[in-house]
């Protein structure tokens, strides 16, 4: 059997062509659906490399099935890789890669789209107008809140969090941030101040989440934290859904404890917590943080090039578990 790769779902060009040029057989799921667990287990048994998505659960069982057939790499089409048991992959000698950096600006832009949509009630206003309810200007019609000169709280001052904060400079915003270390760039350029999570929640008009999903960040924002926020504040989440206790958030939104929320990710994605869809003070997007044509194509190229390098036994450009190479 010749060299074989698996592409678990269709992703943008040029990824399929890059993979097809590098292998004798590309097992490509061209349907607009995720592979079932049974399908995934069967396909990875015969693959030298797998290009997978964040929606694929790559646990120890899947990795062991892949290792039994000599798989060298799982290339994740995402920056995050919490869908992959990296520790198990490393023990089995399988490389894991991701696509860092490329979606930073695109996701920061989307975060700002949510900030503006929440503050100025854009989805409500659009629906109101399309429903034929707009009968003329009124001084009290769909009043929102200002963004300029407000306080922006950044939880996680990595690449994306930093870019979101930098965009706040144009709105003359005060920047607070929570991070494990001092962020000299943000402090120098924006006069940002590092604070505790409690301080940030109490003082911010907009709280924007930009942390990876780990044991420490799971439900980082629960009912207790949400009740610390100002009554006219907004929660924005474009990182990982389980960082927020979504059931608690629904209660908070329904009781109008905070002004609203803008979400691009969900705790049990694609399912929404019961009642969330009915919250008029929530702006809900279908996980499109990196969803620009340019960025998704760049991600596709990076993921494919990672996969090809790994299948050839070379060091991939964006390896997550470097220790597997030693």
C-alpha atoms as a PDB file:
ATOM      1  CA  UNK A   1       0.000   0.000   0.000  1.00  0.00           C
ATOM      2  CA  UNK A   2       1.362   3.391  -0.951  1.00  0.00           C
ATOM      3  CA  UNK A   3       1.565   6.523   1.158  1.00  0.00           C
ATOM      4  CA  UNK A   4      -1.905   7.496   2.301  1.00  0.00           C
ATOM      5  CA  UNK A   5      -3.293  10.596   3.998  1.00  0.00           C
ATOM      6  CA  UNK A   6      -6.696  11.316   5.505  1.00  0.00           C
ATOM      7  CA  UNK A   7      -8.488  14.652   5.230  1.00  0.00           C
ATOM      8  CA  UNK A   8     -11.401  14.427   7.649  1.00  0.00           C
ATOM      9  CA  UNK A   9     -13.495  17.165   6.041  1.00  0.00           C
ATOM     10  CA  UNK A  10     -13.288  19.560   3.112  1.00  0.00           C
ATOM     11  CA  UNK A  11     -11.188  22.631   3.843  1.00  0.00           C
ATOM     12  CA  UNK A  12     -10.269  25.490   1.502  1.00  0.00           C
ATOM     13  CA  UNK A  13      -7.704  25.371  -1.281  1.00  0.00           C
ATOM     14  CA  UNK A  14      -4.844  24.806  -1.628  1.00  0.00           C
ATOM     15  CA  UNK A  15      -4.789  22.074   1.051  1.00  0.00           C
ATOM     16  CA  UNK A  16      -6.327  19.202  -0.967  1.00  0.00           C
ATOM     17  CA  UNK A  17      -3.948  19.751  -3.899  1.00  0.00           C
ATOM     18  CA  UNK A  18      -0.907  19.942  -1.613  1.00  0.00           C
ATOM     19  CA  UNK A  19      -1.872  16.632  -0.011  1.00  0.00           C
ATOM     20  CA  UNK A  20      -2.737  14.930  -3.318  1.00  0.00           C
ATOM     21  CA  UNK A  21       0.667  15.886  -4.747  1.00  0.00           C
ATOM     22  CA  UNK A  22       2.453  14.361  -1.742  1.00  0.00           C
ATOM     23  CA  UNK A  23       0.727  10.987  -1.417  1.00  0.00           C
ATOM     24  CA  UNK A  24      -0.411   8.099  -3.564  1.00  0.00           C
ATOM     25  CA  UNK A  25      -3.871   8.102  -2.010  1.00  0.00           C
ATOM     26  CA  UNK A  26      -5.885  10.839  -0.299  1.00  0.00           C
ATOM     27  CA  UNK A  27      -8.883   9.609   1.689  1.00  0.00           C
ATOM     28  CA  UNK A  28     -10.910  12.808   1.633  1.00  0.00           C
ATOM     29  CA  UNK A  29     -14.285  13.279   3.301  1.00  0.00           C
ATOM     30  CA  UNK A  30     -15.976  15.611   0.822  1.00  0.00           C
ATOM     31  CA  UNK A  31     -19.329  15.585   2.600  1.00  0.00           C
ATOM     32  CA  UNK A  32     -20.393  18.570   4.691  1.00  0.00           C
ATOM     33  CA  UNK A  33     -20.408  16.574   7.926  1.00  0.00           C
ATOM     34  CA  UNK A  34     -17.994  15.314  10.547  1.00  0.00           C
ATOM     35  CA  UNK A  35     -16.853  11.719  10.340  1.00  0.00           C
ATOM     36  CA  UNK A  36     -18.498   9.390  12.830  1.00  0.00           C
ATOM     37  CA  UNK A  37     -16.224   7.917  15.469  1.00  0.00           C
ATOM     38  CA  UNK A  38     -16.392   4.536  13.741  1.00  0.00           C
ATOM     39  CA  UNK A  39     -15.425   6.059  10.396  1.00  0.00           C
ATOM     40  CA  UNK A  40     -12.561   7.988  11.939  1.00  0.00           C
ATOM     41  CA  UNK A  41     -11.196   4.910  13.721  1.00  0.00           C
ATOM     42  CA  UNK A  42     -11.305   2.907  10.512  1.00  0.00           C
ATOM     43  CA  UNK A  43      -9.699   5.551   8.306  1.00  0.00           C
ATOM     44  CA  UNK A  44      -6.756   6.432  10.566  1.00  0.00           C
ATOM     45  CA  UNK A  45      -5.611   2.790  10.733  1.00  0.00           C
ATOM     46  CA  UNK A  46      -4.178   3.045   7.245  1.00  0.00           C
ATOM     47  CA  UNK A  47      -2.919   6.630   7.169  1.00  0.00           C
ATOM     48  CA  UNK A  48       0.593   7.954   7.336  1.00  0.00           C
ATOM     49  CA  UNK A  49      -0.784  11.423   8.086  1.00  0.00           C
ATOM     50  CA  UNK A  50      -4.153  12.852   9.160  1.00  0.00           C
ATOM     51  CA  UNK A  51      -5.306  16.415   8.586  1.00  0.00           C
ATOM     52  CA  UNK A  52      -8.086  16.857  11.134  1.00  0.00           C
ATOM     53  CA  UNK A  53     -10.375  19.618  12.398  1.00  0.00           C
ATOM     54  CA  UNK A  54     -11.165  20.991  15.822  1.00  0.00           C
ATOM     55  CA  UNK A  55     -14.481  19.144  15.637  1.00  0.00           C
ATOM     56  CA  UNK A  56     -12.687  15.778  15.459  1.00  0.00           C
ATOM     57  CA  UNK A  57     -12.096  14.132  18.835  1.00  0.00           C
ATOM     58  CA  UNK A  58      -8.609  12.670  18.617  1.00  0.00           C
ATOM     59  CA  UNK A  59      -8.334  10.745  21.868  1.00  0.00           C
ATOM     60  CA  UNK A  60      -6.069   7.909  22.966  1.00  0.00           C
ATOM     61  CA  UNK A  61      -8.166   5.244  21.203  1.00  0.00           C
ATOM     62  CA  UNK A  62      -8.010   7.068  17.864  1.00  0.00           C
ATOM     63  CA  UNK A  63      -4.285   7.680  18.255  1.00  0.00           C
ATOM     64  CA  UNK A  64      -3.594   4.041  19.098  1.00  0.00           C
ATOM     65  CA  UNK A  65      -5.521   2.972  16.009  1.00  0.00           C
ATOM     66  CA  UNK A  66      -3.468   5.369  13.913  1.00  0.00           C
ATOM     67  CA  UNK A  67      -0.168   4.288  15.479  1.00  0.00           C
ATOM     68  CA  UNK A  68      -0.942   0.641  14.679  1.00  0.00           C
ATOM     69  CA  UNK A  69      -0.767   1.537  10.998  1.00  0.00           C
ATOM     70  CA  UNK A  70       2.355   3.672  11.238  1.00  0.00           C
ATOM     71  CA  UNK A  71       0.774   7.137  11.332  1.00  0.00           C
ATOM     72  CA  UNK A  72       3.357   9.885  11.806  1.00  0.00           C
ATOM     73  CA  UNK A  73       1.315  13.048  12.254  1.00  0.00           C
ATOM     74  CA  UNK A  74      -2.046  14.606  13.112  1.00  0.00           C
ATOM     75  CA  UNK A  75      -2.171  18.095  11.625  1.00  0.00           C
ATOM     76  CA  UNK A  76      -4.925  20.172  13.235  1.00  0.00           C
ATOM     77  CA  UNK A  77      -6.657  22.780  11.097  1.00  0.00           C
ATOM     78  CA  UNK A  78      -6.860  25.218  14.012  1.00  0.00           C
ATOM     79  CA  UNK A  79      -4.742  27.210  16.412  1.00  0.00           C
ATOM     80  CA  UNK A  80      -6.192  25.345  19.385  1.00  0.00           C
ATOM     81  CA  UNK A  81      -5.617  21.628  19.816  1.00  0.00           C
ATOM     82  CA  UNK A  82      -7.631  20.721  22.901  1.00  0.00           C
ATOM     83  CA  UNK A  83      -9.449  18.170  20.701  1.00  0.00           C
ATOM     84  CA  UNK A  84      -6.239  16.080  20.587  1.00  0.00           C
ATOM     85  CA  UNK A  85      -4.724  14.083  23.440  1.00  0.00           C
ATOM     86  CA  UNK A  86      -1.239  15.458  22.865  1.00  0.00           C
ATOM     87  CA  UNK A  87       0.279  13.494  25.739  1.00  0.00           C
ATOM     88  CA  UNK A  88      -0.964  10.215  24.275  1.00  0.00           C
ATOM     89  CA  UNK A  89       0.256  11.229  20.818  1.00  0.00           C
ATOM     90  CA  UNK A  90       3.709  11.930  22.169  1.00  0.00           C
ATOM     91  CA  UNK A  91       3.880   8.547  23.944  1.00  0.00           C
ATOM     92  CA  UNK A  92       2.938   6.876  20.671  1.00  0.00           C
ATOM     93  CA  UNK A  93       5.519   8.819  18.676  1.00  0.00           C
ATOM     94  CA  UNK A  94       2.967  10.813  16.694  1.00  0.00           C
ATOM     95  CA  UNK A  95       3.573  14.467  15.886  1.00  0.00           C
ATOM     96  CA  UNK A  96       0.814  17.025  16.484  1.00  0.00           C
ATOM     97  CA  UNK A  97       0.728  20.391  14.705  1.00  0.00           C
ATOM     98  CA  UNK A  98      -1.491  23.466  14.581  1.00  0.00           C
ATOM     99  CA  UNK A  99      -1.839  26.727  12.609  1.00  0.00           C
ATOM    100  CA  UNK A 100      -0.733  29.521  14.958  1.00  0.00           C
ATOM    101  CA  UNK A 101      -0.534  33.233  14.240  1.00  0.00           C
ATOM    102  CA  UNK A 102      -2.391  33.245  10.947  1.00  0.00           C
ATOM    103  CA  UNK A 103      -5.840  33.959  12.384  1.00  0.00           C
ATOM    104  CA  UNK A 104      -4.823  36.547  14.982  1.00  0.00           C
ATOM    105  CA  UNK A 105      -5.998  39.672  13.174  1.00  0.00           C
ATOM    106  CA  UNK A 106      -9.096  38.062  11.710  1.00  0.00           C
ATOM    107  CA  UNK A 107     -10.286  36.860  15.113  1.00  0.00           C
ATOM    108  CA  UNK A 108      -9.468  40.222  16.688  1.00  0.00           C
ATOM    109  CA  UNK A 109     -11.620  41.894  14.026  1.00  0.00           C
ATOM    110  CA  UNK A 110     -14.474  39.490  14.750  1.00  0.00           C
ATOM    111  CA  UNK A 111     -14.161  40.228  18.465  1.00  0.00           C
ATOM    112  CA  UNK A 112     -14.602  43.898  17.708  1.00  0.00           C
ATOM    113  CA  UNK A 113     -17.576  43.128  15.487  1.00  0.00           C
ATOM    114  CA  UNK A 114     -19.199  41.478  18.513  1.00  0.00           C
ATOM    115  CA  UNK A 115     -18.303  44.390  20.786  1.00  0.00           C
ATOM    116  CA  UNK A 116     -19.931  46.872  18.436  1.00  0.00           C
ATOM    117  CA  UNK A 117     -22.912  44.619  17.692  1.00  0.00           C
ATOM    118  CA  UNK A 118     -23.635  44.186  21.394  1.00  0.00           C
ATOM    119  CA  UNK A 119     -23.109  47.807  22.398  1.00  0.00           C
ATOM    120  CA  UNK A 120     -25.218  49.265  19.586  1.00  0.00           C
ATOM    121  CA  UNK A 121     -27.760  46.422  19.403  1.00  0.00           C
ATOM    122  CA  UNK A 122     -27.056  45.872  15.714  1.00  0.00           C
ATOM    123  CA  UNK A 123     -28.833  42.486  15.295  1.00  0.00           C
ATOM    124  CA  UNK A 124     -31.939  43.809  17.071  1.00  0.00           C
ATOM    125  CA  UNK A 125     -31.954  46.930  14.917  1.00  0.00           C
ATOM    126  CA  UNK A 126     -31.550  44.908  11.732  1.00  0.00           C
ATOM    127  CA  UNK A 127     -34.430  42.572  12.639  1.00  0.00           C
ATOM    128  CA  UNK A 128     -36.585  45.550  13.670  1.00  0.00           C
ATOM    129  CA  UNK A 129     -36.043  47.252  10.332  1.00  0.00           C
ATOM    130  CA  UNK A 130     -36.590  44.094   8.235  1.00  0.00           C
ATOM    131  CA  UNK A 131     -39.825  43.416  10.116  1.00  0.00           C
ATOM    132  CA  UNK A 132     -41.185  46.750   8.899  1.00  0.00           C
ATOM    133  CA  UNK A 133     -41.339  48.234  12.386  1.00  0.00           C
ATOM    134  CA  UNK A 134     -39.240  51.303  11.560  1.00  0.00           C
ATOM    135  CA  UNK A 135     -41.770  54.151  11.206  1.00  0.00           C
ATOM    136  CA  UNK A 136     -39.382  57.060  11.685  1.00  0.00           C
ATOM    137  CA  UNK A 137     -36.641  58.440  13.872  1.00  0.00           C
ATOM    138  CA  UNK A 138     -37.228  58.485  17.612  1.00  0.00           C
ATOM    139  CA  UNK A 139     -34.955  59.769  20.409  1.00  0.00           C
ATOM    140  CA  UNK A 140     -35.549  56.592  22.441  1.00  0.00           C
ATOM    141  CA  UNK A 141     -35.450  53.966  19.686  1.00  0.00           C
ATOM    142  CA  UNK A 142     -33.151  50.965  20.392  1.00  0.00           C
ATOM    143  CA  UNK A 143     -30.740  52.880  22.579  1.00  0.00           C
ATOM    144  CA  UNK A 144     -27.381  51.195  23.001  1.00  0.00           C
ATOM    145  CA  UNK A 145     -24.201  52.191  24.778  1.00  0.00           C
ATOM    146  CA  UNK A 146     -21.036  54.007  23.782  1.00  0.00           C
ATOM    147  CA  UNK A 147     -17.759  52.186  23.210  1.00  0.00           C
ATOM    148  CA  UNK A 148     -15.342  55.107  23.093  1.00  0.00           C
ATOM    149  CA  UNK A 149     -13.536  55.992  26.333  1.00  0.00           C
ATOM    150  CA  UNK A 150     -14.931  52.917  28.088  1.00  0.00           C
ATOM    151  CA  UNK A 151     -12.900  50.221  29.875  1.00  0.00           C
ATOM    152  CA  UNK A 152     -11.930  47.102  27.954  1.00  0.00           C
ATOM    153  CA  UNK A 153     -10.909  44.077  29.995  1.00  0.00           C
ATOM    154  CA  UNK A 154      -8.726  41.509  28.223  1.00  0.00           C
ATOM    155  CA  UNK A 155      -8.615  38.059  29.824  1.00  0.00           C
ATOM    156  CA  UNK A 156      -5.560  36.431  28.258  1.00  0.00           C
ATOM    157  CA  UNK A 157      -3.027  38.776  26.694  1.00  0.00           C
ATOM    158  CA  UNK A 158      -1.717  36.478  23.992  1.00  0.00           C
ATOM    159  CA  UNK A 159      -1.590  37.298  20.286  1.00  0.00           C
ATOM    160  CA  UNK A 160      -5.332  37.750  19.809  1.00  0.00           C
ATOM    161  CA  UNK A 161      -5.952  39.447  23.150  1.00  0.00           C
ATOM    162  CA  UNK A 162      -3.179  41.922  22.410  1.00  0.00           C
ATOM    163  CA  UNK A 163      -4.579  42.773  18.968  1.00  0.00           C
ATOM    164  CA  UNK A 164      -8.048  43.296  20.420  1.00  0.00           C
ATOM    165  CA  UNK A 165      -6.554  45.659  22.989  1.00  0.00           C
ATOM    166  CA  UNK A 166      -4.554  47.546  20.345  1.00  0.00           C
ATOM    167  CA  UNK A 167      -7.724  48.122  18.344  1.00  0.00           C
ATOM    168  CA  UNK A 168      -9.225  49.683  21.455  1.00  0.00           C
ATOM    169  CA  UNK A 169      -6.698  52.497  21.211  1.00  0.00           C
ATOM    170  CA  UNK A 170      -8.703  54.014  18.360  1.00  0.00           C
ATOM    171  CA  UNK A 171     -11.667  54.263  20.723  1.00  0.00           C
ATOM    172  CA  UNK A 172      -9.560  55.882  23.453  1.00  0.00           C
ATOM    173  CA  UNK A 173     -10.336  52.984  25.765  1.00  0.00           C
ATOM    174  CA  UNK A 174      -8.794  52.227  29.133  1.00  0.00           C
ATOM    175  CA  UNK A 175      -7.236  48.759  28.985  1.00  0.00           C
ATOM    176  CA  UNK A 176      -7.108  46.263  31.837  1.00  0.00           C
ATOM    177  CA  UNK A 177      -5.740  42.767  31.413  1.00  0.00           C
ATOM    178  CA  UNK A 178      -5.356  39.456  33.182  1.00  0.00           C
ATOM    179  CA  UNK A 179      -2.444  37.227  32.296  1.00  0.00           C
ATOM    180  CA  UNK A 180       0.096  34.949  33.928  1.00  0.00           C
ATOM    181  CA  UNK A 181       2.851  37.445  33.154  1.00  0.00           C
ATOM    182  CA  UNK A 182       3.391  41.154  32.667  1.00  0.00           C
ATOM    183  CA  UNK A 183       2.763  42.214  29.066  1.00  0.00           C
ATOM    184  CA  UNK A 184       5.275  44.955  28.357  1.00  0.00           C
ATOM    185  CA  UNK A 185       4.009  45.727  24.830  1.00  0.00           C
ATOM    186  CA  UNK A 186       0.462  46.421  25.987  1.00  0.00           C
ATOM    187  CA  UNK A 187       1.601  48.420  28.977  1.00  0.00           C
ATOM    188  CA  UNK A 188       3.993  50.501  26.887  1.00  0.00           C
ATOM    189  CA  UNK A 189       1.711  51.152  23.911  1.00  0.00           C
ATOM    190  CA  UNK A 190      -1.638  51.379  25.664  1.00  0.00           C
ATOM    191  CA  UNK A 191      -0.825  52.221  29.261  1.00  0.00           C
ATOM    192  CA  UNK A 192      -2.591  48.929  30.019  1.00  0.00           C
ATOM    193  CA  UNK A 193      -2.738  47.754  33.622  1.00  0.00           C
ATOM    194  CA  UNK A 194      -2.416  44.176  34.801  1.00  0.00           C
ATOM    195  CA  UNK A 195      -5.026  43.330  37.435  1.00  0.00           C
ATOM    196  CA  UNK A 196      -6.671  40.326  39.062  1.00  0.00           C
ATOM    197  CA  UNK A 197      -9.644  38.692  37.381  1.00  0.00           C
ATOM    198  CA  UNK A 198     -11.961  40.021  40.083  1.00  0.00           C
ATOM    199  CA  UNK A 199     -10.724  43.588  39.565  1.00  0.00           C
ATOM    200  CA  UNK A 200     -11.110  43.301  35.804  1.00  0.00           C
ATOM    201  CA  UNK A 201     -14.656  41.969  36.053  1.00  0.00           C
ATOM    202  CA  UNK A 202     -15.711  44.683  38.487  1.00  0.00           C
ATOM    203  CA  UNK A 203     -14.229  47.560  36.489  1.00  0.00           C
ATOM    204  CA  UNK A 204     -14.649  46.661  32.797  1.00  0.00           C
ATOM    205  CA  UNK A 205     -17.431  47.763  30.473  1.00  0.00           C
ATOM    206  CA  UNK A 206     -16.464  45.019  28.008  1.00  0.00           C
ATOM    207  CA  UNK A 207     -14.852  41.747  29.127  1.00  0.00           C
ATOM    208  CA  UNK A 208     -13.203  39.895  26.237  1.00  0.00           C
ATOM    209  CA  UNK A 209     -11.968  36.319  26.704  1.00  0.00           C
ATOM    210  CA  UNK A 210      -8.805  35.091  24.960  1.00  0.00           C
ATOM    211  CA  UNK A 211      -7.492  32.110  26.918  1.00  0.00           C
ATOM    212  CA  UNK A 212      -6.814  28.528  25.809  1.00  0.00           C
ATOM    213  CA  UNK A 213      -9.040  25.793  27.173  1.00  0.00           C
ATOM    214  CA  UNK A 214      -7.233  23.999  30.002  1.00  0.00           C
ATOM    215  CA  UNK A 215      -8.209  22.460  33.310  1.00  0.00           C
ATOM    216  CA  UNK A 216      -7.547  25.856  34.904  1.00  0.00           C
ATOM    217  CA  UNK A 217      -9.682  27.851  32.439  1.00  0.00           C
ATOM    218  CA  UNK A 218     -12.675  25.477  32.265  1.00  0.00           C
ATOM    219  CA  UNK A 219     -15.638  27.493  33.621  1.00  0.00           C
ATOM    220  CA  UNK A 220     -13.282  30.334  34.497  1.00  0.00           C
ATOM    221  CA  UNK A 221     -16.325  32.550  34.087  1.00  0.00           C
ATOM    222  CA  UNK A 222     -19.172  31.154  36.154  1.00  0.00           C
ATOM    223  CA  UNK A 223     -22.114  32.677  37.989  1.00  0.00           C
ATOM    224  CA  UNK A 224     -19.923  34.125  40.731  1.00  0.00           C
ATOM    225  CA  UNK A 225     -17.697  35.887  38.219  1.00  0.00           C
ATOM    226  CA  UNK A 226     -20.612  37.090  36.091  1.00  0.00           C
ATOM    227  CA  UNK A 227     -22.254  38.682  39.133  1.00  0.00           C
ATOM    228  CA  UNK A 228     -19.058  40.690  39.687  1.00  0.00           C
ATOM    229  CA  UNK A 229     -19.582  42.468  36.376  1.00  0.00           C
ATOM    230  CA  UNK A 230     -21.220  45.871  36.043  1.00  0.00           C
ATOM    231  CA  UNK A 231     -24.902  45.901  35.191  1.00  0.00           C
ATOM    232  CA  UNK A 232     -24.186  47.716  31.914  1.00  0.00           C
ATOM    233  CA  UNK A 233     -21.219  45.522  30.943  1.00  0.00           C
ATOM    234  CA  UNK A 234     -20.907  42.974  28.135  1.00  0.00           C
ATOM    235  CA  UNK A 235     -19.137  39.601  28.014  1.00  0.00           C
ATOM    236  CA  UNK A 236     -17.437  38.681  24.722  1.00  0.00           C
ATOM    237  CA  UNK A 237     -16.163  35.155  24.053  1.00  0.00           C
ATOM    238  CA  UNK A 238     -14.249  34.234  20.900  1.00  0.00           C
ATOM    239  CA  UNK A 239     -11.845  31.713  22.462  1.00  0.00           C
ATOM    240  CA  UNK A 240     -13.343  28.418  23.687  1.00  0.00           C
ATOM    241  CA  UNK A 241     -16.927  27.801  24.782  1.00  0.00           C
ATOM    242  CA  UNK A 242     -16.265  25.835  28.011  1.00  0.00           C
ATOM    243  CA  UNK A 243     -14.336  28.790  29.448  1.00  0.00           C
ATOM    244  CA  UNK A 244     -17.823  30.107  30.302  1.00  0.00           C
ATOM    245  CA  UNK A 245     -20.452  28.247  32.312  1.00  0.00           C
ATOM    246  CA  UNK A 246     -23.112  28.689  29.652  1.00  0.00           C
ATOM    247  CA  UNK A 247     -26.025  27.607  31.845  1.00  0.00           C
ATOM    248  CA  UNK A 248     -25.073  30.245  34.402  1.00  0.00           C
ATOM    249  CA  UNK A 249     -24.701  32.827  31.638  1.00  0.00           C
ATOM    250  CA  UNK A 250     -28.269  32.167  30.469  1.00  0.00           C
ATOM    251  CA  UNK A 251     -29.572  32.878  33.982  1.00  0.00           C
ATOM    252  CA  UNK A 252     -27.510  36.058  34.172  1.00  0.00           C
ATOM    253  CA  UNK A 253     -28.735  37.287  30.783  1.00  0.00           C
ATOM    254  CA  UNK A 254     -32.381  36.489  31.510  1.00  0.00           C
ATOM    255  CA  UNK A 255     -32.207  38.306  34.837  1.00  0.00           C
ATOM    256  CA  UNK A 256     -30.444  41.278  33.153  1.00  0.00           C
ATOM    257  CA  UNK A 257     -27.604  41.103  35.675  1.00  0.00           C
ATOM    258  CA  UNK A 258     -25.318  42.291  32.865  1.00  0.00           C
ATOM    259  CA  UNK A 259     -26.230  44.177  29.705  1.00  0.00           C
ATOM    260  CA  UNK A 260     -25.461  41.360  27.313  1.00  0.00           C
ATOM    261  CA  UNK A 261     -23.025  38.940  25.718  1.00  0.00           C
ATOM    262  CA  UNK A 262     -21.445  38.324  22.330  1.00  0.00           C
ATOM    263  CA  UNK A 263     -20.545  34.689  21.681  1.00  0.00           C
ATOM    264  CA  UNK A 264     -18.815  32.946  18.802  1.00  0.00           C
ATOM    265  CA  UNK A 265     -18.179  29.688  20.685  1.00  0.00           C
ATOM    266  CA  UNK A 266     -20.270  27.468  22.929  1.00  0.00           C
ATOM    267  CA  UNK A 267     -19.765  25.010  25.746  1.00  0.00           C
ATOM    268  CA  UNK A 268     -21.294  22.007  23.948  1.00  0.00           C
ATOM    269  CA  UNK A 269     -20.900  23.229  20.409  1.00  0.00           C
ATOM    270  CA  UNK A 270     -22.836  23.198  18.165  1.00  0.00           C
ATOM    271  CA  UNK A 271     -25.617  22.829  20.764  1.00  0.00           C
ATOM    272  CA  UNK A 272     -26.593  25.940  22.715  1.00  0.00           C
ATOM    273  CA  UNK A 273     -27.481  25.916  26.402  1.00  0.00           C
ATOM    274  CA  UNK A 274     -31.259  25.796  26.880  1.00  0.00           C
ATOM    275  CA  UNK A 275     -32.686  29.313  26.829  1.00  0.00           C
ATOM    276  CA  UNK A 276     -29.674  31.008  25.253  1.00  0.00           C
ATOM    277  CA  UNK A 277     -31.343  31.362  21.876  1.00  0.00           C
ATOM    278  CA  UNK A 278     -34.213  33.243  23.495  1.00  0.00           C
ATOM    279  CA  UNK A 279     -31.940  35.836  25.135  1.00  0.00           C
ATOM    280  CA  UNK A 280     -32.437  39.010  23.095  1.00  0.00           C
ATOM    281  CA  UNK A 281     -29.407  40.564  24.826  1.00  0.00           C
ATOM    282  CA  UNK A 282     -27.054  37.953  23.352  1.00  0.00           C
ATOM    283  CA  UNK A 283     -25.413  38.156  19.928  1.00  0.00           C
ATOM    284  CA  UNK A 284     -24.797  34.586  18.752  1.00  0.00           C
ATOM    285  CA  UNK A 285     -22.427  33.633  15.937  1.00  0.00           C
ATOM    286  CA  UNK A 286     -21.668  30.141  14.523  1.00  0.00           C
ATOM    287  CA  UNK A 287     -17.918  29.915  15.357  1.00  0.00           C
ATOM    288  CA  UNK A 288     -16.681  32.178  12.552  1.00  0.00           C
ATOM    289  CA  UNK A 289     -13.792  33.849  14.391  1.00  0.00           C
ATOM    290  CA  UNK A 290     -11.269  32.970  11.687  1.00  0.00           C
ATOM    291  CA  UNK A 291     -13.895  32.997   8.961  1.00  0.00           C
ATOM    292  CA  UNK A 292     -12.429  35.187   6.279  1.00  0.00           C
ATOM    293  CA  UNK A 293     -11.560  33.745   2.870  1.00  0.00           C
ATOM    294  CA  UNK A 294      -7.967  34.876   3.166  1.00  0.00           C
ATOM    295  CA  UNK A 295      -7.359  33.483   6.634  1.00  0.00           C
ATOM    296  CA  UNK A 296      -9.042  30.133   6.087  1.00  0.00           C
ATOM    297  CA  UNK A 297      -6.934  29.574   2.955  1.00  0.00           C
ATOM    298  CA  UNK A 298      -3.740  30.446   4.825  1.00  0.00           C
ATOM    299  CA  UNK A 299      -4.721  28.020   7.586  1.00  0.00           C
ATOM    300  CA  UNK A 300      -5.355  25.325   4.983  1.00  0.00           C
ATOM    301  CA  UNK A 301      -1.920  25.774   3.437  1.00  0.00           C
ATOM    302  CA  UNK A 302      -0.212  25.685   6.835  1.00  0.00           C
ATOM    303  CA  UNK A 303      -2.071  22.556   7.916  1.00  0.00           C
ATOM    304  CA  UNK A 304      -1.308  20.759   4.658  1.00  0.00           C
ATOM    305  CA  UNK A 305       2.372  21.709   4.736  1.00  0.00           C
ATOM    306  CA  UNK A 306       2.614  20.542   8.349  1.00  0.00           C
ATOM    307  CA  UNK A 307       1.040  17.225   7.378  1.00  0.00           C
ATOM    308  CA  UNK A 308       3.298  16.655   4.376  1.00  0.00           C
ATOM    309  CA  UNK A 309       6.443  17.429   6.342  1.00  0.00           C
ATOM    310  CA  UNK A 310       5.444  15.021   9.095  1.00  0.00           C
ATOM    311  CA  UNK A 311       4.635  12.225   6.657  1.00  0.00           C
ATOM    312  CA  UNK A 312       8.110  12.664   5.142  1.00  0.00           C
ATOM    313  CA  UNK A 313       9.713  12.350   8.561  1.00  0.00           C
ATOM    314  CA  UNK A 314      10.754  16.003   8.591  1.00  0.00           C
ATOM    315  CA  UNK A 315      10.191  18.517  11.364  1.00  0.00           C
ATOM    316  CA  UNK A 316       6.857  20.255  10.627  1.00  0.00           C
ATOM    317  CA  UNK A 317       6.894  24.073  10.744  1.00  0.00           C
ATOM    318  CA  UNK A 318       4.354  24.276  13.587  1.00  0.00           C
ATOM    319  CA  UNK A 319       4.818  21.261  15.825  1.00  0.00           C
ATOM    320  CA  UNK A 320       3.091  21.272  19.209  1.00  0.00           C
ATOM    321  CA  UNK A 321       4.895  18.349  20.874  1.00  0.00           C
ATOM    322  CA  UNK A 322       8.561  18.934  20.052  1.00  0.00           C
ATOM    323  CA  UNK A 323       9.613  16.263  22.547  1.00  0.00           C
ATOM    324  CA  UNK A 324       8.370  13.591  20.154  1.00  0.00           C
ATOM    325  CA  UNK A 325      11.344  14.438  17.912  1.00  0.00           C
ATOM    326  CA  UNK A 326      13.991  13.661  20.516  1.00  0.00           C
END
